[in-house]
Structures are given as C-alpha cells and as structure tokens.
Amino acid sequence: MKIILCGASGRMGREIAREIINSKDMQLVAGVDKTPHSLDCAYYANIADVKEQADVIIDFSHHSGTYQLVDFATNRRIPLVIATTGQNKEEIEYIKKAAQSLPIFMSGNMSLGVTLFISVVAKIAGIFPYADVEIIETHHNKKADAPSGTALMLASAVLEARNREGRIVTDSRSGVRQKGDIGISSVRIGGEIGTHEVRIDTGFQSFTFKHEAHSRALFAIGAMHAIRFIATQPDGLYSVKDFL
C-alpha cells in the first residue's frame, strides 16, 4: 500500500513515518511539509505538486491546509485520513461535503483507548443529565490549537448523550456556569504529550475520569489502523468508532 504523508517533519509525522517504514504492507512514497525532511522518499513543500500515485493520504499537518488537501485527494480519488485538529466550521463542512464522493477518516484523536474513554464519559453523563461536567486538557507548550481535538470530542459526546442540550464553554474564566454547560480548560506546559481529565459532579457525588498518553506511538498505531481501514471503505466520513 503506497502512502503520502502530510506533515512529515512534525512530531507526529516523524512517528507515523517510522511506523509506515517498518511495516510490511506499506510504502512511504512522498512526504509533504514546509520544512524539509530526511525520509527516504520524495519531498514536497506543497501537496499540489505531488506526482506519485498512492493508495491513501494521511494528514498530520495543520488545518489551514484543509481545502488544498481535500481538493487534491478528491481530484486524485485517493482515500484520506485526517488526523489534524483545529478545523473551523467551514473547513469541517468542506470535509463533510467531500466525503460524499470520497472515503475520509477523520478523528481528533487516533487512540483506541481514547475512544473507549470518551464512550464511558458519555455513558455516565447521559445517566446523570443534570450533573456538572468539566474537562481539563493538558498538552506540550508547542501545541497550536486550544482546546484540543480530544477535549472537543469529549464535550460533543456528552452533548450527544444529553440530546444536544447545553453548550460548550472553552474559556475557563467565563465565570458562572449555566445549566448544561460543559467547561473546557486548556493547559500548555513543558513536553506533556496529552492528558485529559473529566470531572462529573451531581451535587451529591462526583466522578473523575482520566486518560494519559505516555508516548506518541499510541497515536501512530491508531493511525496505522485508520490507514488500513479507510483503504477498503466506500465513500463516506468515518471515525475511530467505525473500526472498533
């Protein structure tokens, strides 16, 4: 299986490149990044210039390249894995529209463990719909987007469990919470890979759930699952839940 990797020079790009190179069923044919990489494959600063044929594109770059990435994948009919976070509403809608004619896998977190973590949190939040919910996410001080994609996935899952009743508050200094608010606080410090803590409080009892990532290999392994999965799917938009 031939792979084009966007964001090849980044932290996660280098991690997934190692996984692809060491795999028996994949070949890295092109790496795309504004910063040159040392991988043993073709290098491009812009995905529009890529000439190699591929079976899947995986993106660990930056959401600002969404339109160009999606257009390239759509025009070449190459299944796409989007592991980049921080997309705005317009970019998300653009991805959804493209998924009507292309297999696209998109997730704010590629970890299978995080997906299970989110499902447990959503289950408890649905059982106690009147409870307060606060999410605290901690990442390294170079992470560009806040809140994290995983924190937004957690908050959205809670809203779904509560029939979309409530709102997501992303500024911890907003003061008094309204009924149904889901607060997200973002911490950026040191080299933290990723920790997500969810506190659910009914007023009479509380629950605390926590997931800690100890290595970026965790996300790279999940991304490998996503690549193999999306390569055989019909047109549509998929997430980690679809191959669990």
Protein backbone atom coordinates (compact mmCIF):
# COMPACT_ATOMS: atom_id res chain seq x y z
CA MET A 1 0.00 0.00 0.00
CA LYS A 2 1.50 3.33 -1.08
CA ILE A 3 1.19 6.28 1.34
CA ILE A 4 1.51 10.06 1.03
CA LEU A 5 2.27 11.66 4.42
CA CYS A 6 1.42 15.33 5.04
CA GLY A 7 3.17 16.96 7.97
CA ALA A 8 6.12 14.61 7.54
CA SER A 9 8.57 16.78 9.51
CA GLY A 10 6.36 17.28 12.59
CA ARG A 11 6.39 15.30 15.83
CA MET A 12 3.57 13.01 14.82
CA GLY A 13 4.68 12.97 11.19
CA ARG A 14 8.05 11.52 12.15
CA GLU A 15 6.34 8.98 14.41
CA ILE A 16 3.92 7.72 11.77
CA ALA A 17 6.71 7.69 9.15
CA ARG A 18 8.65 5.23 11.31
CA GLU A 19 5.60 3.01 11.61
CA ILE A 20 4.99 3.05 7.85
CA ILE A 21 8.65 2.36 7.00
CA ASN A 22 8.78 -0.56 9.47
CA SER A 23 5.52 -2.08 8.26
CA LYS A 24 5.42 -4.98 5.83
CA ASP A 25 2.41 -3.84 3.83
CA MET A 26 3.07 -0.10 3.36
CA GLN A 27 5.46 2.10 1.42
CA LEU A 28 6.00 5.81 2.02
CA VAL A 29 6.14 7.30 -1.48
CA ALA A 30 6.01 11.03 -0.64
CA GLY A 31 6.34 13.32 2.34
CA VAL A 32 4.79 16.80 2.34
CA ASP A 33 5.93 19.56 4.69
CA LYS A 34 7.11 23.15 4.51
CA THR A 35 10.18 22.01 6.44
CA PRO A 36 12.39 19.54 4.52
CA HIS A 37 12.54 16.03 5.96
CA SER A 38 15.23 13.34 5.81
CA LEU A 39 12.91 10.46 4.91
CA ASP A 40 13.83 8.10 2.09
CA CYS A 41 11.05 9.24 -0.24
CA ALA A 42 10.11 12.16 -2.46
CA TYR A 43 9.79 15.54 -0.71
CA TYR A 44 7.32 18.32 -1.50
CA ALA A 45 6.54 21.59 0.26
CA ASN A 46 3.06 21.65 -1.28
CA ILE A 47 0.71 18.71 -1.76
CA ALA A 48 -0.48 20.11 -5.09
CA ASP A 49 2.98 19.31 -6.52
CA VAL A 50 2.97 15.61 -5.54
CA LYS A 51 3.32 13.39 -8.64
CA GLU A 52 3.45 9.95 -7.03
CA GLN A 53 0.48 7.59 -7.12
CA ALA A 54 -0.84 6.47 -3.72
CA ASP A 55 -3.50 4.33 -2.09
CA VAL A 56 -4.02 6.55 0.98
CA ILE A 57 -3.09 10.07 2.12
CA ILE A 58 -2.61 10.65 5.83
CA ASP A 59 -2.51 14.20 7.20
CA PHE A 60 -0.72 15.27 10.37
CA SER A 61 -0.02 18.84 9.25
CA HIS A 62 -2.14 21.94 10.01
CA HIS A 63 -5.82 22.62 9.45
CA SER A 64 -5.01 25.72 7.38
CA GLY A 65 -4.21 23.34 4.51
CA THR A 66 -7.64 21.67 4.63
CA TYR A 67 -9.01 22.96 1.34
CA GLN A 68 -5.90 22.14 -0.69
CA LEU A 69 -5.57 18.72 0.95
CA VAL A 70 -9.19 17.77 0.32
CA ASP A 71 -9.13 19.06 -3.25
CA PHE A 72 -6.01 17.04 -4.04
CA ALA A 73 -7.46 13.85 -2.55
CA THR A 74 -10.80 14.36 -4.31
CA ASN A 75 -9.26 15.09 -7.71
CA ARG A 76 -6.95 12.09 -7.48
CA ARG A 77 -9.60 9.83 -5.88
CA ILE A 78 -7.27 8.87 -3.02
CA PRO A 79 -8.82 7.86 0.35
CA LEU A 80 -7.87 10.32 3.06
CA VAL A 81 -7.04 10.08 6.78
CA ILE A 82 -7.25 13.44 8.57
CA ALA A 83 -5.51 13.39 11.96
CA THR A 84 -5.06 17.17 12.08
CA THR A 85 -7.18 19.12 14.59
CA GLY A 86 -8.36 22.71 14.95
CA GLN A 87 -10.60 22.92 11.89
CA ASN A 88 -13.19 25.71 11.90
CA LYS A 89 -16.84 25.16 10.94
CA GLU A 90 -16.26 25.98 7.27
CA GLU A 91 -13.36 23.54 7.00
CA ILE A 92 -15.35 20.78 8.68
CA GLU A 93 -18.26 21.33 6.32
CA TYR A 94 -15.85 21.20 3.36
CA ILE A 95 -14.58 17.83 4.58
CA LYS A 96 -18.11 16.50 5.07
CA LYS A 97 -19.09 17.56 1.55
CA ALA A 98 -16.01 15.87 0.07
CA ALA A 99 -16.85 12.66 1.97
CA GLN A 100 -19.95 12.31 -0.21
CA SER A 101 -17.66 11.27 -3.05
CA LEU A 102 -14.52 10.06 -1.23
CA PRO A 103 -13.68 7.78 1.73
CA ILE A 104 -12.45 10.08 4.51
CA PHE A 105 -11.40 9.07 8.01
CA MET A 106 -11.30 11.95 10.48
CA SER A 107 -10.60 11.96 14.19
CA GLY A 108 -9.29 14.45 16.74
CA ASN A 109 -7.52 11.54 18.43
CA MET A 110 -6.32 8.31 16.80
CA SER A 111 -6.06 6.35 20.06
CA LEU A 112 -8.41 3.38 20.52
CA GLY A 113 -8.13 3.88 24.28
CA VAL A 114 -9.31 7.48 23.99
CA THR A 115 -12.35 6.33 22.01
CA LEU A 116 -13.29 3.92 24.81
CA PHE A 117 -12.59 6.67 27.35
CA ILE A 118 -14.99 9.01 25.54
CA SER A 119 -17.72 6.35 25.40
CA VAL A 120 -17.52 5.77 29.16
CA VAL A 121 -17.68 9.50 29.92
CA ALA A 122 -20.67 9.92 27.59
CA LYS A 123 -22.46 6.98 29.24
CA ILE A 124 -22.11 8.44 32.74
CA ALA A 125 -23.02 11.96 31.59
CA GLY A 126 -26.17 10.59 29.94
CA ILE A 127 -27.21 8.77 33.10
CA PHE A 128 -26.81 11.98 35.11
CA PRO A 129 -28.02 14.67 32.68
CA TYR A 130 -28.25 17.31 35.42
CA ALA A 131 -24.63 16.88 36.56
CA ASP A 132 -21.90 19.48 36.03
CA VAL A 133 -19.18 18.43 33.57
CA GLU A 134 -15.73 19.99 33.36
CA ILE A 135 -12.86 18.90 31.09
CA ILE A 136 -9.22 19.74 31.78
CA GLU A 137 -6.79 19.00 28.94
CA THR A 138 -3.01 19.32 29.22
CA HIS A 139 -0.54 19.33 26.30
CA HIS A 140 3.00 20.48 25.49
CA ASN A 141 3.67 24.19 25.14
CA LYS A 142 4.13 23.98 21.36
CA LYS A 143 0.61 22.74 20.63
CA ALA A 144 -1.06 25.29 18.37
CA ASP A 145 -4.76 24.66 18.93
CA ALA A 146 -6.76 25.02 22.14
CA PRO A 147 -8.89 23.34 23.21
CA SER A 148 -7.56 20.05 21.92
CA GLY A 149 -9.46 17.98 19.39
CA THR A 150 -9.91 15.27 22.01
CA ALA A 151 -11.43 17.69 24.51
CA LEU A 152 -13.92 18.83 21.87
CA MET A 153 -14.71 15.18 21.07
CA LEU A 154 -15.39 14.56 24.77
CA ALA A 155 -17.64 17.61 25.05
CA SER A 156 -19.53 16.72 21.87
CA ALA A 157 -20.07 13.15 23.09
CA VAL A 158 -21.55 14.48 26.33
CA LEU A 159 -23.87 16.78 24.37
CA GLU A 160 -24.98 13.87 22.19
CA ALA A 161 -25.72 11.79 25.29
CA ARG A 162 -27.85 14.69 26.52
CA ASN A 163 -29.75 15.23 23.25
CA ARG A 164 -27.65 18.30 22.41
CA GLU A 165 -28.98 20.18 25.47
CA GLY A 166 -26.25 22.50 26.71
CA ARG A 167 -23.28 24.42 25.35
CA ILE A 168 -19.51 24.02 25.28
CA VAL A 169 -17.64 26.75 27.18
CA THR A 170 -14.00 26.94 26.16
CA ASP A 171 -12.87 29.82 28.36
CA SER A 172 -12.28 28.76 31.97
CA ARG A 173 -12.60 32.42 33.06
CA SER A 174 -16.21 32.68 31.88
CA GLY A 175 -17.48 32.76 35.45
CA VAL A 176 -20.82 31.29 36.50
CA ARG A 177 -21.86 28.20 34.55
CA GLN A 178 -25.33 27.91 33.08
CA LYS A 179 -27.30 24.70 33.42
CA GLY A 180 -25.96 22.17 30.93
CA ASP A 181 -22.64 23.94 30.32
CA ILE A 182 -19.62 21.76 29.59
CA GLY A 183 -16.45 23.63 30.52
CA ILE A 184 -13.08 23.03 28.89
CA SER A 185 -9.84 24.32 30.40
CA SER A 186 -6.61 24.09 28.41
CA VAL A 187 -3.15 23.82 29.99
CA ARG A 188 0.02 24.16 27.89
CA ILE A 189 3.20 23.20 29.71
CA GLY A 190 6.54 21.50 29.09
CA GLY A 191 6.62 18.41 26.91
CA GLU A 192 3.31 16.89 28.01
CA ILE A 193 2.07 14.52 25.29
CA GLY A 194 -1.58 14.61 26.25
CA THR A 195 -3.69 14.23 29.39
CA HIS A 196 -7.48 14.57 29.55
CA GLU A 197 -9.40 14.64 32.82
CA VAL A 198 -13.18 14.79 33.06
CA ARG A 199 -15.00 15.64 36.27
CA ILE A 200 -18.72 14.94 36.59
CA ASP A 201 -20.46 16.25 39.71
CA THR A 202 -24.14 15.68 40.58
CA GLY A 203 -24.02 17.75 43.75
CA PHE A 204 -24.26 14.60 45.85
CA GLN A 205 -21.42 12.61 44.33
CA SER A 206 -18.68 13.06 41.76
CA PHE A 207 -16.81 11.01 39.17
CA THR A 208 -13.32 11.70 37.85
CA PHE A 209 -12.05 10.06 34.67
CA LYS A 210 -8.55 10.47 33.32
CA HIS A 211 -6.61 9.37 30.24
CA GLU A 212 -2.85 9.92 29.90
CA ALA A 213 -0.82 9.36 26.75
CA HIS A 214 2.72 8.23 27.58
CA SER A 215 4.05 8.01 24.02
CA ARG A 216 3.16 9.41 20.60
CA ALA A 217 3.44 5.85 19.34
CA LEU A 218 -0.05 5.42 20.79
CA PHE A 219 -1.47 7.74 18.13
CA ALA A 220 0.75 6.37 15.38
CA ILE A 221 -0.54 2.83 15.97
CA GLY A 222 -4.11 4.10 15.78
CA ALA A 223 -3.27 5.96 12.58
CA MET A 224 -1.98 2.72 11.04
CA HIS A 225 -5.33 1.09 11.82
CA ALA A 226 -7.07 4.06 10.19
CA ILE A 227 -4.97 3.78 7.01
CA ARG A 228 -5.73 0.09 6.57
CA PHE A 229 -9.40 0.68 7.36
CA ILE A 230 -10.10 3.60 5.03
CA ALA A 231 -8.33 1.97 2.07
CA THR A 232 -11.19 -0.54 1.69
CA GLN A 233 -14.20 1.64 2.54
CA PRO A 234 -16.86 3.12 0.24
CA ASP A 235 -17.36 6.90 0.10
CA GLY A 236 -18.28 8.44 3.44
CA LEU A 237 -16.98 10.06 6.60
CA TYR A 238 -15.56 7.68 9.22
CA SER A 239 -14.07 7.85 12.72
CA VAL A 240 -12.33 5.57 15.22
CA LYS A 241 -15.71 4.23 16.36
CA ASP A 242 -16.25 2.72 12.91
CA PHE A 243 -13.38 0.25 13.19
CA LEU A 244 -13.61 -0.58 16.88
